Amino acid sequence: MWNTDKLYTECSRSSARCASYLAAVVDTANEAAVIATQKLVICLPPRAKVEKLRKVVLKELEVQPQARASSAASVALRALKRKWPCAKQ
């Protein structure tokens, strides 16, 4: 997770990290707007590791190459929701 010091440092350098972070912010905001009327959609197990999330999303992209035409956020959300759906609330 970035704090504002990291954001300032990376964006002051016009780095690719800054661009990636800001693109992720926009993707997240847009996806949140789409699912705003829903409750939790991804229920990760306790102590879930980021590496496991990475593998799940990578597998989705490999198995469904046509998904690459979609936004990264929507593909990641779809893969993670499929792997760790929440019980009906």
N, C-alpha and C. Protein backbone atom coordinates (compact mmCIF):
# COMPACT_ATOMS: atom_id res chain seq x y z
N MET A 1 0.85 -1.17 0.00
CA MET A 1 0.00 0.00 0.00
C MET A 1 0.90 1.24 0.00
N TRP A 2 0.52 2.19 -0.81
CA TRP A 2 1.27 3.45 -0.87
C TRP A 2 0.71 4.43 0.14
N ASN A 3 1.63 5.22 0.73
CA ASN A 3 1.19 6.38 1.50
C ASN A 3 1.43 7.61 0.63
N THR A 4 1.06 8.78 1.13
CA THR A 4 1.18 9.98 0.29
C THR A 4 2.62 10.36 0.02
N ASP A 5 3.54 9.99 0.93
CA ASP A 5 4.96 10.26 0.66
C ASP A 5 5.42 9.48 -0.57
N LYS A 6 5.03 8.22 -0.64
CA LYS A 6 5.39 7.38 -1.79
C LYS A 6 4.75 7.94 -3.07
N LEU A 7 3.50 8.33 -2.97
CA LEU A 7 2.81 8.90 -4.12
C LEU A 7 3.54 10.15 -4.62
N TYR A 8 3.90 11.03 -3.71
CA TYR A 8 4.61 12.26 -4.08
C TYR A 8 5.96 11.93 -4.71
N THR A 9 6.70 11.01 -4.10
CA THR A 9 8.02 10.66 -4.61
C THR A 9 7.93 10.09 -6.02
N GLU A 10 7.05 9.13 -6.22
CA GLU A 10 6.95 8.49 -7.53
C GLU A 10 6.42 9.45 -8.60
N CYS A 11 5.44 10.25 -8.24
CA CYS A 11 4.86 11.17 -9.23
C CYS A 11 5.78 12.35 -9.52
N SER A 12 6.63 12.70 -8.57
CA SER A 12 7.62 13.76 -8.82
C SER A 12 8.63 13.33 -9.87
N ARG A 13 8.85 12.04 -9.97
CA ARG A 13 9.81 11.49 -10.94
C ARG A 13 9.16 11.20 -12.29
N SER A 14 7.88 11.40 -12.42
CA SER A 14 7.16 11.00 -13.64
C SER A 14 7.41 9.53 -13.94
N SER A 15 7.41 8.72 -12.91
CA SER A 15 7.75 7.31 -13.07
C SER A 15 6.58 6.50 -13.62
N ALA A 16 6.94 5.35 -14.17
CA ALA A 16 5.92 4.40 -14.63
C ALA A 16 5.11 3.89 -13.44
N ARG A 17 5.74 3.82 -12.28
CA ARG A 17 5.02 3.39 -11.08
C ARG A 17 3.89 4.36 -10.76
N CYS A 18 4.16 5.64 -10.90
CA CYS A 18 3.13 6.65 -10.66
C CYS A 18 1.98 6.46 -11.64
N ALA A 19 2.30 6.30 -12.90
CA ALA A 19 1.27 6.13 -13.91
C ALA A 19 0.45 4.87 -13.64
N SER A 20 1.11 3.80 -13.27
CA SER A 20 0.41 2.55 -12.97
C SER A 20 -0.49 2.71 -11.76
N TYR A 21 0.01 3.36 -10.74
CA TYR A 21 -0.78 3.57 -9.53
C TYR A 21 -2.03 4.39 -9.85
N LEU A 22 -1.86 5.47 -10.58
CA LEU A 22 -3.01 6.33 -10.90
C LEU A 22 -4.02 5.62 -11.80
N ALA A 23 -3.53 4.81 -12.72
CA ALA A 23 -4.44 4.02 -13.55
C ALA A 23 -5.23 3.05 -12.68
N ALA A 24 -4.56 2.47 -11.70
CA ALA A 24 -5.25 1.55 -10.79
C ALA A 24 -6.29 2.28 -9.95
N VAL A 25 -5.99 3.50 -9.55
CA VAL A 25 -6.97 4.29 -8.79
C VAL A 25 -8.22 4.51 -9.63
N VAL A 26 -8.03 4.88 -10.88
CA VAL A 26 -9.17 5.13 -11.77
C VAL A 26 -9.95 3.84 -12.01
N ASP A 27 -9.24 2.74 -12.32
CA ASP A 27 -9.90 1.46 -12.54
C ASP A 27 -10.72 1.05 -11.31
N THR A 28 -10.12 1.21 -10.15
CA THR A 28 -10.80 0.82 -8.91
C THR A 28 -12.05 1.67 -8.69
N ALA A 29 -11.93 2.95 -8.89
CA ALA A 29 -13.09 3.84 -8.70
C ALA A 29 -14.21 3.48 -9.66
N ASN A 30 -13.86 3.21 -10.91
CA ASN A 30 -14.88 2.85 -11.90
C ASN A 30 -15.54 1.52 -11.57
N GLU A 31 -14.75 0.54 -11.19
CA GLU A 31 -15.32 -0.76 -10.84
C GLU A 31 -16.16 -0.66 -9.57
N ALA A 32 -15.73 0.15 -8.62
CA ALA A 32 -16.51 0.34 -7.39
C ALA A 32 -17.87 0.94 -7.70
N ALA A 33 -17.90 1.85 -8.65
CA ALA A 33 -19.18 2.46 -9.03
C ALA A 33 -20.13 1.42 -9.61
N VAL A 34 -19.59 0.47 -10.36
CA VAL A 34 -20.42 -0.57 -10.96
C VAL A 34 -21.01 -1.49 -9.91
N ILE A 35 -20.23 -1.81 -8.89
CA ILE A 35 -20.69 -2.78 -7.89
C ILE A 35 -21.18 -2.11 -6.60
N ALA A 36 -21.39 -0.82 -6.64
CA ALA A 36 -21.74 -0.06 -5.43
C ALA A 36 -23.00 -0.57 -4.74
N THR A 37 -23.90 -1.15 -5.48
CA THR A 37 -25.14 -1.61 -4.87
C THR A 37 -25.03 -3.01 -4.29
N GLN A 38 -23.90 -3.64 -4.47
CA GLN A 38 -23.70 -4.99 -3.95
C GLN A 38 -22.97 -4.95 -2.62
N LYS A 39 -23.07 -6.04 -1.87
CA LYS A 39 -22.30 -6.18 -0.64
C LYS A 39 -20.94 -6.75 -1.03
N LEU A 40 -20.20 -7.26 -0.08
CA LEU A 40 -18.90 -7.84 -0.38
C LEU A 40 -19.01 -8.85 -1.51
N VAL A 41 -18.08 -8.82 -2.43
CA VAL A 41 -18.12 -9.74 -3.55
C VAL A 41 -16.96 -10.73 -3.54
N ILE A 42 -15.88 -10.39 -2.83
CA ILE A 42 -14.72 -11.26 -2.73
C ILE A 42 -14.46 -11.50 -1.25
N CYS A 43 -14.46 -12.75 -0.85
CA CYS A 43 -14.23 -13.09 0.56
C CYS A 43 -12.96 -13.93 0.65
N LEU A 44 -11.84 -13.25 0.81
CA LEU A 44 -10.55 -13.93 0.90
C LEU A 44 -10.46 -14.73 2.18
N PRO A 45 -9.75 -15.86 2.13
CA PRO A 45 -9.54 -16.62 3.36
C PRO A 45 -8.60 -15.85 4.29
N PRO A 46 -8.64 -16.16 5.58
CA PRO A 46 -7.72 -15.49 6.50
C PRO A 46 -6.28 -15.70 6.05
N ARG A 47 -5.49 -14.69 6.20
CA ARG A 47 -4.06 -14.72 5.87
C ARG A 47 -3.79 -15.04 4.40
N ALA A 48 -4.67 -14.61 3.53
CA ALA A 48 -4.45 -14.79 2.09
C ALA A 48 -3.20 -14.02 1.68
N LYS A 49 -2.41 -14.61 0.84
CA LYS A 49 -1.17 -14.00 0.36
C LYS A 49 -1.40 -13.36 -1.01
N VAL A 50 -0.76 -12.24 -1.22
CA VAL A 50 -0.87 -11.54 -2.50
C VAL A 50 -0.39 -12.44 -3.64
N GLU A 51 0.60 -13.27 -3.38
CA GLU A 51 1.11 -14.17 -4.42
C GLU A 51 0.02 -15.11 -4.92
N LYS A 52 -0.84 -15.57 -4.05
CA LYS A 52 -1.95 -16.45 -4.46
C LYS A 52 -2.93 -15.68 -5.35
N LEU A 53 -3.21 -14.43 -4.98
CA LEU A 53 -4.08 -13.60 -5.81
C LEU A 53 -3.48 -13.44 -7.20
N ARG A 54 -2.18 -13.18 -7.24
CA ARG A 54 -1.47 -13.00 -8.51
C ARG A 54 -1.63 -14.23 -9.39
N LYS A 55 -1.46 -15.41 -8.79
CA LYS A 55 -1.57 -16.65 -9.56
C LYS A 55 -2.98 -16.87 -10.09
N VAL A 56 -3.98 -16.55 -9.29
CA VAL A 56 -5.37 -16.70 -9.72
C VAL A 56 -5.67 -15.81 -10.92
N VAL A 57 -5.23 -14.56 -10.85
CA VAL A 57 -5.49 -13.61 -11.94
C VAL A 57 -4.68 -13.99 -13.18
N LEU A 58 -3.44 -14.39 -13.00
CA LEU A 58 -2.62 -14.81 -14.13
C LEU A 58 -3.24 -16.01 -14.84
N LYS A 59 -3.75 -16.96 -14.08
CA LYS A 59 -4.41 -18.13 -14.68
C LYS A 59 -5.62 -17.70 -15.50
N GLU A 60 -6.40 -16.78 -14.98
CA GLU A 60 -7.57 -16.27 -15.72
C GLU A 60 -7.14 -15.69 -17.07
N LEU A 61 -6.06 -14.93 -17.07
CA LEU A 61 -5.58 -14.31 -18.30
C LEU A 61 -5.03 -15.34 -19.28
N GLU A 62 -4.45 -16.41 -18.76
CA GLU A 62 -3.91 -17.45 -19.63
C GLU A 62 -5.02 -18.34 -20.20
N VAL A 63 -6.01 -18.65 -19.38
CA VAL A 63 -7.10 -19.53 -19.81
C VAL A 63 -8.09 -18.80 -20.70
N GLN A 64 -8.26 -17.51 -20.47
CA GLN A 64 -9.22 -16.71 -21.22
C GLN A 64 -8.51 -15.52 -21.88
N PRO A 65 -7.69 -15.76 -22.90
CA PRO A 65 -6.92 -14.66 -23.50
C PRO A 65 -7.80 -13.54 -24.06
N GLN A 66 -9.03 -13.84 -24.43
CA GLN A 66 -9.92 -12.80 -24.93
C GLN A 66 -10.26 -11.79 -23.84
N ALA A 67 -10.07 -12.17 -22.59
CA ALA A 67 -10.34 -11.26 -21.48
C ALA A 67 -9.39 -10.07 -21.48
N ARG A 68 -8.28 -10.19 -22.19
CA ARG A 68 -7.31 -9.09 -22.22
C ARG A 68 -7.85 -7.84 -22.88
N ALA A 69 -8.96 -7.96 -23.58
CA ALA A 69 -9.58 -6.78 -24.19
C ALA A 69 -10.37 -5.97 -23.15
N SER A 70 -10.64 -6.58 -21.99
CA SER A 70 -11.37 -5.91 -20.92
C SER A 70 -10.41 -5.11 -20.05
N SER A 71 -10.97 -4.33 -19.14
CA SER A 71 -10.09 -3.60 -18.22
C SER A 71 -9.44 -4.58 -17.26
N ALA A 72 -8.24 -4.26 -16.84
CA ALA A 72 -7.51 -5.13 -15.91
C ALA A 72 -8.30 -5.32 -14.62
N ALA A 73 -8.89 -4.26 -14.13
CA ALA A 73 -9.64 -4.34 -12.88
C ALA A 73 -10.81 -5.31 -13.00
N SER A 74 -11.53 -5.26 -14.12
CA SER A 74 -12.69 -6.15 -14.26
C SER A 74 -12.27 -7.61 -14.38
N VAL A 75 -11.17 -7.87 -15.06
CA VAL A 75 -10.67 -9.24 -15.18
C VAL A 75 -10.21 -9.75 -13.82
N ALA A 76 -9.46 -8.92 -13.11
CA ALA A 76 -8.98 -9.32 -11.78
C ALA A 76 -10.16 -9.57 -10.84
N LEU A 77 -11.13 -8.68 -10.84
CA LEU A 77 -12.30 -8.86 -9.98
C LEU A 77 -13.05 -10.13 -10.33
N ARG A 78 -13.25 -10.39 -11.60
CA ARG A 78 -13.97 -11.58 -12.03
C ARG A 78 -13.25 -12.85 -11.57
N ALA A 79 -11.94 -12.89 -11.76
CA ALA A 79 -11.16 -14.07 -11.36
C ALA A 79 -11.20 -14.27 -9.85
N LEU A 80 -11.04 -13.19 -9.11
CA LEU A 80 -11.03 -13.29 -7.65
C LEU A 80 -12.41 -13.64 -7.10
N LYS A 81 -13.45 -13.08 -7.70
CA LYS A 81 -14.82 -13.41 -7.26
C LYS A 81 -15.13 -14.88 -7.54
N ARG A 82 -14.65 -15.38 -8.65
CA ARG A 82 -14.89 -16.78 -9.00
C ARG A 82 -14.16 -17.70 -8.01
N LYS A 83 -12.95 -17.34 -7.64
CA LYS A 83 -12.15 -18.18 -6.73
C LYS A 83 -12.66 -18.09 -5.29
N TRP A 84 -13.00 -16.88 -4.84
CA TRP A 84 -13.40 -16.68 -3.45
C TRP A 84 -14.72 -15.92 -3.36
N PRO A 85 -15.82 -16.53 -3.80
CA PRO A 85 -17.10 -15.83 -3.71
C PRO A 85 -17.55 -15.74 -2.25
N CYS A 86 -18.34 -14.74 -1.96
CA CYS A 86 -18.91 -14.60 -0.63
C CYS A 86 -20.23 -15.36 -0.59
N ALA A 87 -20.55 -15.85 0.59
CA ALA A 87 -21.86 -16.50 0.77
C ALA A 87 -22.93 -15.45 0.55
N LYS A 88 -24.11 -15.88 0.16
CA LYS A 88 -25.22 -14.94 -0.03
C LYS A 88 -25.42 -14.15 1.25
N GLN A 89 -25.56 -12.84 1.10
CA GLN A 89 -25.70 -11.98 2.29
C GLN A 89 -27.11 -11.47 2.40
